[in-house]
N, C-alpha and C. Protein backbone atom coordinates (compact mmCIF):
# COMPACT_ATOMS: atom_id res chain seq x y z
N MET A 1 -31.81 26.89 34.36
CA MET A 1 -30.87 26.98 33.81
C MET A 1 -30.50 25.59 33.33
N PHE A 2 -30.04 24.57 34.52
CA PHE A 2 -29.55 23.63 34.70
C PHE A 2 -30.03 22.57 33.69
N MET A 3 -31.54 22.40 33.61
CA MET A 3 -32.09 21.44 32.93
C MET A 3 -32.20 21.74 31.43
N LYS A 4 -32.08 23.44 31.39
CA LYS A 4 -31.87 23.35 29.67
C LYS A 4 -30.32 22.70 29.16
N TYR A 5 -29.26 22.51 30.01
CA TYR A 5 -27.80 22.18 29.89
C TYR A 5 -27.99 20.57 29.29
N VAL A 6 -28.97 20.29 30.12
CA VAL A 6 -29.40 18.64 30.42
C VAL A 6 -29.97 18.05 29.22
N TRP A 7 -31.06 18.93 28.01
CA TRP A 7 -32.05 18.25 27.65
C TRP A 7 -31.03 18.82 26.32
N MET A 8 -30.11 19.65 25.92
CA MET A 8 -28.93 19.98 25.25
C MET A 8 -28.26 18.73 25.19
N ILE A 9 -27.53 17.89 26.06
CA ILE A 9 -26.69 16.62 25.78
C ILE A 9 -27.56 15.54 25.36
N VAL A 10 -28.72 15.77 26.33
CA VAL A 10 -29.59 14.47 25.34
C VAL A 10 -29.57 14.22 24.25
N LEU A 11 -30.09 15.91 23.89
CA LEU A 11 -30.64 15.98 22.00
C LEU A 11 -29.38 15.41 21.16
N LEU A 12 -28.16 16.19 21.72
CA LEU A 12 -27.25 16.10 21.02
C LEU A 12 -26.21 14.26 21.16
N LEU A 13 -26.87 13.46 22.38
CA LEU A 13 -26.66 12.47 21.85
C LEU A 13 -27.28 11.88 21.46
N LEU A 14 -28.44 11.77 21.44
CA LEU A 14 -29.69 11.14 20.14
C LEU A 14 -29.27 11.84 19.12
N ALA A 15 -28.22 12.59 18.82
CA ALA A 15 -28.43 12.91 17.34
C ALA A 15 -27.39 12.00 17.12
N ALA A 16 -26.17 11.97 17.97
CA ALA A 16 -24.97 11.09 17.53
C ALA A 16 -25.28 10.54 17.32
N CYS A 17 -26.48 9.07 18.29
CA CYS A 17 -26.43 8.45 18.34
C CYS A 17 -27.71 7.27 17.24
N SER A 18 -27.92 8.62 16.20
CA SER A 18 -29.01 7.92 15.78
C SER A 18 -28.46 6.89 14.52
N GLY A 19 -29.03 6.20 14.06
CA GLY A 19 -28.83 4.70 13.01
C GLY A 19 -28.44 6.06 11.77
N GLY A 20 -28.23 4.81 11.04
CA GLY A 20 -27.77 5.29 9.94
C GLY A 20 -28.81 5.27 8.98
N GLU A 21 -29.61 4.25 8.98
CA GLU A 21 -30.67 4.39 8.80
C GLU A 21 -30.87 4.89 7.25
N ASN A 22 -31.24 6.30 7.54
CA ASN A 22 -31.86 7.10 6.11
C ASN A 22 -30.70 7.32 5.82
N GLU A 23 -29.01 7.01 5.63
CA GLU A 23 -28.28 7.16 4.89
C GLU A 23 -28.14 6.28 3.74
N PRO A 24 -27.57 6.19 2.73
CA PRO A 24 -27.61 5.66 1.60
C PRO A 24 -26.28 3.98 2.25
N PRO A 25 -26.63 2.89 1.48
CA PRO A 25 -25.07 1.70 1.61
C PRO A 25 -24.03 2.30 1.62
N GLU A 26 -23.11 1.58 2.26
CA GLU A 26 -21.71 1.98 2.00
C GLU A 26 -21.25 1.56 0.57
N ILE A 27 -22.51 -0.25 0.47
CA ILE A 27 -22.01 -0.50 -0.77
C ILE A 27 -23.17 -1.26 -0.92
N THR A 28 -23.80 -1.73 -2.78
CA THR A 28 -24.52 -2.38 -3.09
C THR A 28 -23.98 -3.70 -3.87
N GLY A 29 -23.45 -4.36 -3.73
CA GLY A 29 -23.23 -5.44 -4.64
C GLY A 29 -23.20 -6.79 -4.19
N TYR A 30 -22.72 -8.15 -5.04
CA TYR A 30 -23.03 -9.18 -4.54
C TYR A 30 -21.74 -10.02 -4.06
N VAL A 31 -21.98 -10.47 -2.69
CA VAL A 31 -21.31 -11.15 -1.46
C VAL A 31 -20.53 -12.34 -2.60
N THR A 32 -18.83 -12.34 -3.03
CA THR A 32 -18.76 -12.68 -3.75
C THR A 32 -17.70 -14.42 -2.89
N ALA A 33 -17.46 -13.95 -1.49
CA ALA A 33 -16.80 -14.99 -0.42
C ALA A 33 -17.21 -14.60 0.54
N VAL A 34 -17.32 -15.63 1.29
CA VAL A 34 -17.39 -15.51 2.95
C VAL A 34 -16.41 -17.10 4.01
N ASP A 35 -15.79 -16.02 4.75
CA ASP A 35 -14.43 -16.47 5.49
C ASP A 35 -14.91 -16.37 6.41
N GLY A 36 -15.14 -17.58 7.51
CA GLY A 36 -15.39 -17.46 9.03
C GLY A 36 -16.38 -16.38 9.39
N GLU A 37 -16.25 -15.15 10.16
CA GLU A 37 -16.30 -14.34 10.08
C GLU A 37 -17.15 -13.05 9.06
N GLU A 38 -16.04 -13.40 8.12
CA GLU A 38 -15.82 -11.61 7.55
C GLU A 38 -16.69 -12.37 5.90
N PHE A 39 -17.09 -11.43 5.58
CA PHE A 39 -17.72 -11.61 3.90
C PHE A 39 -17.42 -10.19 3.01
N PHE A 40 -17.06 -10.99 1.75
CA PHE A 40 -16.70 -10.44 0.48
C PHE A 40 -17.59 -9.59 -0.48
N VAL A 41 -17.45 -8.23 -0.64
CA VAL A 41 -18.82 -7.19 -1.48
C VAL A 41 -18.28 -6.49 -2.08
N THR A 42 -18.53 -6.91 -3.47
CA THR A 42 -18.25 -6.13 -4.73
C THR A 42 -19.15 -5.24 -4.93
N ALA A 43 -18.77 -4.00 -6.08
CA ALA A 43 -19.25 -3.32 -6.29
C ALA A 43 -20.91 -3.64 -7.13
N GLU A 44 -22.13 -4.24 -7.66
CA GLU A 44 -22.72 -4.84 -8.51
C GLU A 44 -22.04 -3.82 -10.17
N GLU A 45 -21.74 -2.27 -10.42
CA GLU A 45 -21.61 -1.67 -11.60
C GLU A 45 -19.65 -1.68 -11.29
N ALA A 46 -18.82 -1.36 -12.31
CA ALA A 46 -17.82 -0.84 -12.10
C ALA A 46 -17.58 0.65 -12.37
N GLN A 47 -16.80 1.52 -12.00
CA GLN A 47 -17.05 2.59 -12.75
C GLN A 47 -15.79 2.78 -13.72
N ASP A 48 -15.30 3.83 -14.23
CA ASP A 48 -14.45 3.99 -15.29
C ASP A 48 -13.72 4.82 -15.22
N PHE A 49 -12.36 4.96 -14.66
CA PHE A 49 -11.49 5.94 -14.30
C PHE A 49 -10.11 6.34 -15.49
N SER A 50 -11.07 5.79 -16.36
CA SER A 50 -9.35 5.83 -17.54
C SER A 50 -9.23 7.00 -17.99
N SER A 51 -10.26 8.13 -18.15
CA SER A 51 -10.20 9.66 -18.28
C SER A 51 -9.00 10.10 -17.76
N THR A 52 -8.98 9.73 -16.18
CA THR A 52 -7.59 10.48 -15.45
C THR A 52 -6.57 9.74 -15.20
N GLY A 53 -6.60 8.42 -16.16
CA GLY A 53 -5.46 7.17 -15.76
C GLY A 53 -5.22 6.10 -15.46
N GLY A 54 -6.89 6.24 -14.93
CA GLY A 54 -6.90 5.04 -14.00
C GLY A 54 -7.61 3.56 -14.63
N LEU A 55 -7.99 3.11 -13.70
CA LEU A 55 -8.37 2.07 -14.77
C LEU A 55 -9.97 1.68 -15.34
N GLU A 56 -9.94 1.30 -16.27
CA GLU A 56 -10.84 1.23 -17.46
C GLU A 56 -12.43 0.51 -16.67
N GLU A 57 -12.35 -0.30 -15.58
CA GLU A 57 -13.07 -1.15 -15.03
C GLU A 57 -12.58 -1.18 -13.50
N TYR A 58 -13.15 -0.30 -12.87
CA TYR A 58 -12.86 -0.45 -11.70
C TYR A 58 -14.10 -0.88 -10.23
N TYR A 59 -13.94 -1.99 -9.84
CA TYR A 59 -15.37 -1.92 -8.50
C TYR A 59 -14.59 -2.01 -6.96
N THR A 60 -15.40 -1.46 -6.77
CA THR A 60 -15.61 -0.80 -5.40
C THR A 60 -15.59 -2.30 -4.55
N ALA A 61 -14.76 -2.53 -3.64
CA ALA A 61 -14.49 -3.79 -3.06
C ALA A 61 -14.16 -3.72 -1.63
N ILE A 62 -14.96 -4.21 -0.68
CA ILE A 62 -14.85 -4.49 0.76
C ILE A 62 -15.33 -5.48 1.43
N MET A 63 -13.92 -5.77 2.54
CA MET A 63 -14.09 -7.04 3.27
C MET A 63 -15.04 -6.39 4.24
N PHE A 64 -15.94 -7.11 4.85
CA PHE A 64 -16.87 -6.98 5.54
C PHE A 64 -16.64 -7.72 7.29
N SER A 65 -16.30 -7.08 8.35
CA SER A 65 -16.88 -8.14 9.30
C SER A 65 -17.72 -7.74 10.13
N GLY A 66 -18.41 -8.87 10.70
CA GLY A 66 -19.63 -8.99 11.72
C GLY A 66 -20.86 -9.31 10.56
N ILE A 67 -20.47 -11.34 10.54
CA ILE A 67 -21.83 -11.23 9.35
C ILE A 67 -22.63 -11.29 9.55
N SER A 68 -23.66 -11.43 8.98
CA SER A 68 -25.21 -11.98 8.91
C SER A 68 -25.41 -13.38 8.53
N GLU A 69 -26.27 -14.42 9.33
CA GLU A 69 -26.46 -15.82 8.97
C GLU A 69 -27.36 -15.32 7.99
N GLU A 70 -27.23 -14.53 6.86
CA GLU A 70 -28.52 -14.77 5.89
C GLU A 70 -27.44 -14.60 4.33
N VAL A 71 -26.08 -14.12 4.99
CA VAL A 71 -25.07 -13.61 3.62
C VAL A 71 -24.42 -15.12 3.77
N THR A 72 -24.47 -15.05 2.75
CA THR A 72 -23.93 -16.36 1.79
C THR A 72 -23.59 -16.05 0.01
N PRO A 73 -22.33 -16.82 -0.60
CA PRO A 73 -21.99 -16.19 -1.66
C PRO A 73 -23.14 -16.59 -2.76
N GLY A 74 -22.89 -15.08 -3.40
CA GLY A 74 -24.10 -15.54 -4.56
C GLY A 74 -25.00 -14.15 -4.40
N VAL A 75 -25.29 -13.29 -3.42
CA VAL A 75 -26.85 -12.94 -2.99
C VAL A 75 -25.74 -11.73 -3.15
N LYS A 76 -27.11 -11.38 -3.64
CA LYS A 76 -26.72 -9.12 -3.49
C LYS A 76 -27.71 -8.61 -2.43
N VAL A 77 -26.22 -7.77 -1.65
CA VAL A 77 -26.42 -7.01 -0.61
C VAL A 77 -26.69 -5.84 -0.81
N GLU A 78 -27.24 -5.00 0.26
CA GLU A 78 -26.80 -3.63 0.64
C GLU A 78 -26.25 -3.22 1.99
N VAL A 79 -24.90 -3.05 2.54
CA VAL A 79 -24.35 -2.72 3.35
C VAL A 79 -23.89 -1.50 3.71
N TRP A 80 -24.22 -1.41 5.16
CA TRP A 80 -23.81 0.06 5.57
C TRP A 80 -22.75 -0.47 6.69
N ALA A 81 -21.81 0.63 6.85
CA ALA A 81 -20.51 0.61 7.68
C ALA A 81 -20.29 2.19 7.87
N ASP A 82 -19.53 2.24 9.40
CA ASP A 82 -18.96 3.26 9.94
C ASP A 82 -18.05 3.89 9.52
N ALA A 83 -17.39 2.84 9.74
CA ALA A 83 -15.60 3.51 9.12
C ALA A 83 -14.97 2.70 8.15
N VAL A 84 -14.61 2.81 7.15
CA VAL A 84 -13.92 1.94 5.91
C VAL A 84 -12.15 2.20 5.80
N ALA A 85 -11.53 1.31 6.09
CA ALA A 85 -10.27 1.55 5.90
C ALA A 85 -9.96 1.21 4.37
N GLU A 86 -9.19 2.85 4.22
CA GLU A 86 -9.13 2.88 2.51
C GLU A 86 -7.57 1.95 2.25
N SER A 87 -8.17 0.82 2.01
CA SER A 87 -6.82 0.00 0.67
C SER A 87 -8.15 -1.10 -0.29
N TYR A 88 -6.95 -1.60 -0.53
CA TYR A 88 -7.70 -2.38 -1.82
C TYR A 88 -7.48 -3.50 -1.67
N PRO A 89 -8.69 -4.47 -1.37
CA PRO A 89 -9.99 -4.04 -1.05
C PRO A 89 -9.80 -3.69 0.20
N ALA A 90 -11.04 -2.61 0.53
CA ALA A 90 -11.35 -1.91 2.04
C ALA A 90 -11.54 -3.24 2.78
N GLN A 91 -12.11 -2.66 4.00
CA GLN A 91 -11.92 -3.18 4.57
C GLN A 91 -13.36 -2.09 6.10
N ALA A 92 -13.82 -3.12 6.68
CA ALA A 92 -15.26 -2.45 8.06
C ALA A 92 -15.87 -3.40 8.14
N GLY A 93 -15.98 -3.07 9.60
CA GLY A 93 -16.87 -3.84 10.15
C GLY A 93 -18.65 -3.42 9.53
N ALA A 94 -19.37 -4.20 9.19
CA ALA A 94 -20.71 -3.81 8.94
C ALA A 94 -21.83 -3.75 10.06
N ASP A 95 -22.46 -2.84 9.48
CA ASP A 95 -23.37 -2.15 10.55
C ASP A 95 -25.01 -2.53 10.77
N ALA A 96 -25.19 -2.79 9.18
CA ALA A 96 -26.38 -3.12 9.24
C ALA A 96 -26.34 -4.49 7.64
N VAL A 97 -26.85 -4.97 6.92
CA VAL A 97 -26.78 -5.45 6.12
C VAL A 97 -27.93 -5.90 5.43
N HIS A 98 -28.40 -5.84 4.83
CA HIS A 98 -29.94 -6.09 4.17
C HIS A 98 -29.61 -7.33 2.77
N VAL A 99 -30.45 -8.19 2.20
CA VAL A 99 -30.40 -8.89 1.10
C VAL A 99 -32.03 -8.91 0.21
N LEU A 100 -31.04 -7.88 -0.80
CA LEU A 100 -31.78 -8.22 -1.88
C LEU A 100 -32.81 -9.13 -2.39
N GLU A 101 -33.73 -9.05 -3.02
CA GLU A 101 -34.23 -10.03 -3.74
C GLU A 101 -34.24 -10.25 -5.03
N PRO A 102 -34.22 -11.49 -4.93
CA PRO A 102 -33.57 -12.51 -6.74
C PRO A 102 -34.86 -11.66 -7.97
N GLU A 103 -33.87 -11.77 -8.98
CA GLU A 103 -34.61 -12.38 -10.31
C GLU A 103 -35.36 -13.35 -10.11
N GLN A 104 -35.95 -13.79 -10.48
CA GLN A 104 -36.27 -15.01 -10.29
C GLN A 104 -37.79 -15.77 -11.45
N PRO A 105 -36.68 -15.71 -12.73
CA PRO A 105 -37.65 -15.89 -13.48
C PRO A 105 -38.47 -17.37 -13.44
N GLU A 106 -39.57 -17.82 -14.35
CA GLU A 106 -40.41 -18.51 -13.87
C GLU A 106 -39.81 -19.83 -14.18
N GLY A 107 -39.56 -21.16 -13.51
CA GLY A 107 -39.72 -22.25 -13.59
C GLY A 107 -37.67 -22.38 -13.71
N ALA A 108 -37.46 -21.15 -13.28
CA ALA A 108 -35.61 -21.43 -12.89
C ALA A 108 -35.47 -20.87 -11.88
N MET A 109 -33.92 -21.32 -11.71
CA MET A 109 -33.34 -20.85 -10.36
C MET A 109 -33.64 -19.40 -10.28
N ASP A 110 -33.06 -19.18 -9.24
CA ASP A 110 -32.95 -17.55 -9.04
C ASP A 110 -31.60 -16.91 -8.93
N GLU A 111 -31.97 -15.95 -9.72
CA GLU A 111 -30.83 -15.16 -9.28
C GLU A 111 -29.21 -15.61 -9.20
N PHE A 112 -29.74 -15.51 -7.36
CA PHE A 112 -28.36 -15.55 -6.34
C PHE A 112 -28.34 -17.28 -6.88
N GLU A 113 -28.70 -18.03 -6.90
CA GLU A 113 -28.38 -19.54 -6.95
C GLU A 113 -27.66 -19.90 -7.77
N ALA A 114 -27.85 -18.83 -8.97
CA ALA A 114 -26.85 -18.99 -10.34
C ALA A 114 -25.73 -18.58 -10.34
N VAL A 115 -25.39 -17.10 -9.60
CA VAL A 115 -23.99 -16.66 -9.39
C VAL A 115 -23.69 -17.60 -8.14
N ARG A 116 -24.07 -18.04 -7.25
CA ARG A 116 -23.29 -19.19 -6.11
C ARG A 116 -22.91 -20.28 -7.17
N ARG A 117 -23.71 -20.54 -8.11
CA ARG A 117 -22.98 -21.92 -8.46
C ARG A 117 -21.76 -21.30 -9.99
N ALA A 118 -21.87 -19.90 -10.00
CA ALA A 118 -21.21 -19.69 -11.16
C ALA A 118 -19.44 -19.82 -10.02
N LEU A 119 -19.82 -19.11 -9.00
CA LEU A 119 -18.77 -18.65 -7.95
C LEU A 119 -18.20 -19.90 -7.71
N GLU A 120 -18.76 -21.01 -7.60
CA GLU A 120 -18.45 -22.43 -7.03
C GLU A 120 -17.39 -23.00 -8.79
N GLU A 121 -18.40 -22.80 -10.53
CA GLU A 121 -17.34 -23.17 -10.89
C GLU A 121 -16.38 -22.67 -12.10
N THR A 122 -16.35 -21.09 -11.06
CA THR A 122 -15.14 -20.33 -12.15
C THR A 122 -13.99 -21.72 -11.67
N GLU A 123 -12.97 -20.97 -12.68
CA GLU A 123 -11.70 -21.11 -12.66
C GLU A 123 -10.72 -20.26 -12.22
N LEU A 124 -11.52 -18.77 -12.14
CA LEU A 124 -10.60 -17.73 -11.82
C LEU A 124 -10.17 -18.28 -10.32
N GLU A 125 -8.91 -17.44 -9.72
CA GLU A 125 -9.15 -17.39 -8.45
C GLU A 125 -8.65 -16.05 -8.03
N GLY A 126 -8.90 -15.43 -6.50
CA GLY A 126 -8.91 -14.07 -5.84
C GLY A 126 -10.00 -13.35 -5.45
N ASN A 127 -9.82 -12.36 -6.21
CA ASN A 127 -11.19 -11.58 -5.26
C ASN A 127 -11.86 -11.05 -6.82
N LEU A 128 -13.37 -11.83 -6.35
CA LEU A 128 -13.94 -11.98 -7.56
C LEU A 128 -15.04 -10.78 -7.41
N ALA A 129 -15.50 -9.85 -9.34
CA ALA A 129 -16.65 -9.48 -9.24
C ALA A 129 -17.53 -9.86 -10.21
N VAL A 130 -19.20 -9.55 -9.95
CA VAL A 130 -20.46 -10.38 -10.91
C VAL A 130 -20.08 -9.10 -11.71
N ALA A 131 -19.54 -9.20 -12.94
CA ALA A 131 -19.62 -8.33 -13.95
C ALA A 131 -21.36 -8.05 -14.23
N ASP A 132 -21.79 -9.24 -14.38
CA ASP A 132 -23.30 -9.26 -14.84
C ASP A 132 -23.69 -10.83 -14.50
N ALA A 133 -24.94 -10.76 -14.45
CA ALA A 133 -25.77 -12.51 -14.05
C ALA A 133 -27.08 -11.79 -15.04
N SER A 134 -27.47 -12.80 -16.44
CA SER A 134 -28.55 -12.33 -16.90
C SER A 134 -28.61 -13.57 -17.10
N PHE A 135 -30.60 -13.50 -17.93
CA PHE A 135 -30.72 -15.41 -17.62
C PHE A 135 -31.44 -15.05 -19.42
N GLU A 136 -31.55 -16.66 -20.22
CA GLU A 136 -32.25 -16.20 -21.49
C GLU A 136 -32.32 -17.48 -22.13
N GLU A 137 -33.30 -17.82 -22.48
CA GLU A 137 -33.28 -19.09 -23.34
C GLU A 137 -32.88 -20.67 -22.19
N ASP A 138 -33.62 -20.76 -20.61
CA ASP A 138 -33.28 -21.68 -19.59
C ASP A 138 -32.27 -21.53 -19.04
N VAL A 139 -31.15 -20.38 -19.98
CA VAL A 139 -29.93 -20.71 -19.23
C VAL A 139 -29.48 -19.18 -18.58
N TRP A 140 -28.89 -19.59 -17.20
CA TRP A 140 -27.82 -18.34 -16.90
C TRP A 140 -26.86 -17.91 -17.42
N THR A 141 -26.39 -16.33 -17.65
CA THR A 141 -24.88 -16.18 -17.89
C THR A 141 -24.11 -15.15 -16.68
N VAL A 142 -23.30 -15.80 -16.69
CA VAL A 142 -22.69 -14.76 -15.28
C VAL A 142 -21.58 -14.68 -15.47
N GLU A 143 -21.08 -13.31 -16.18
CA GLU A 143 -20.05 -13.09 -16.41
C GLU A 143 -18.82 -12.42 -15.02
N LEU A 144 -17.51 -13.35 -14.72
CA LEU A 144 -16.89 -13.01 -13.17
C LEU A 144 -15.88 -12.30 -13.77
N VAL A 145 -15.50 -11.67 -13.19
CA VAL A 145 -14.07 -10.56 -13.01
C VAL A 145 -12.84 -10.60 -11.70
N GLU A 146 -11.36 -11.12 -11.97
CA GLU A 146 -10.95 -10.95 -10.87
C GLU A 146 -10.57 -9.33 -10.89
N ILE A 147 -10.60 -8.87 -9.80
CA ILE A 147 -10.41 -6.87 -9.57
C ILE A 147 -9.42 -6.93 -9.43
N MET A 148 -7.96 -7.10 -8.80
CA MET A 148 -6.61 -7.19 -9.16
C MET A 148 -5.98 -7.17 -10.83
N GLU A 149 -6.22 -8.58 -11.00
CA GLU A 149 -5.82 -9.11 -12.18
C GLU A 149 -6.54 -8.35 -13.76
N GLY A 150 -8.04 -8.42 -13.74
CA GLY A 150 -8.89 -8.04 -14.61
C GLY A 150 -9.15 -9.24 -15.63
N ASP A 151 -8.70 -10.86 -15.10
CA ASP A 151 -9.10 -11.98 -16.24
C ASP A 151 -10.94 -11.84 -15.81
N ARG A 152 -10.84 -12.40 -16.98
CA ARG A 152 -12.70 -12.58 -17.08
C ARG A 152 -12.71 -13.91 -17.41
N GLU A 153 -14.09 -14.51 -17.18
CA GLU A 153 -14.36 -15.42 -17.31
C GLU A 153 -16.31 -15.93 -17.49
N THR A 154 -16.38 -16.33 -18.52
CA THR A 154 -18.23 -16.23 -18.70
C THR A 154 -18.82 -17.98 -17.73
N VAL A 155 -19.72 -17.97 -17.14
CA VAL A 155 -20.24 -18.92 -16.92
C VAL A 155 -21.44 -19.01 -17.02
N GLN A 156 -21.99 -20.01 -17.50
CA GLN A 156 -23.03 -20.53 -17.92
C GLN A 156 -23.62 -21.78 -17.06
N VAL A 157 -24.74 -21.24 -16.70
CA VAL A 157 -25.22 -22.43 -15.31
C VAL A 157 -26.97 -22.56 -16.03
N GLU A 158 -27.00 -24.00 -16.03
CA GLU A 158 -28.25 -24.34 -16.29
C GLU A 158 -29.16 -24.51 -15.32
């Protein structure tokens, strides 16, 4: 009988401690800023809440702590987190970070380098989201949005 309880406790602990690898990431998006051991991620797609009186273009945004060496401005990541503080932008500790593969047009810089350069060249200040990054005729076009005010800038990177 005692062993039955021991096994139940062991199974319960294993279930509670299992990683969230099978869970979807908290956010998938671009890293638009890195500050010390924190990094700022905005969702790759905006949500439209205008039908309920909200913003027409709302980007989920989270400031994560617990940086990985692979995380630099411009990269697109998936981030898993346990608890997210409900603020805007939200705050959370990063449990796991996976850097996605960039688009790499033949003979051109990759998508992440283009986004990084656009973030360096923009005149926008504040918390930025990448609304679009596209490559056409040897030029990357990166559209940035300041998430609080909605100001926009399109940066062309050659």
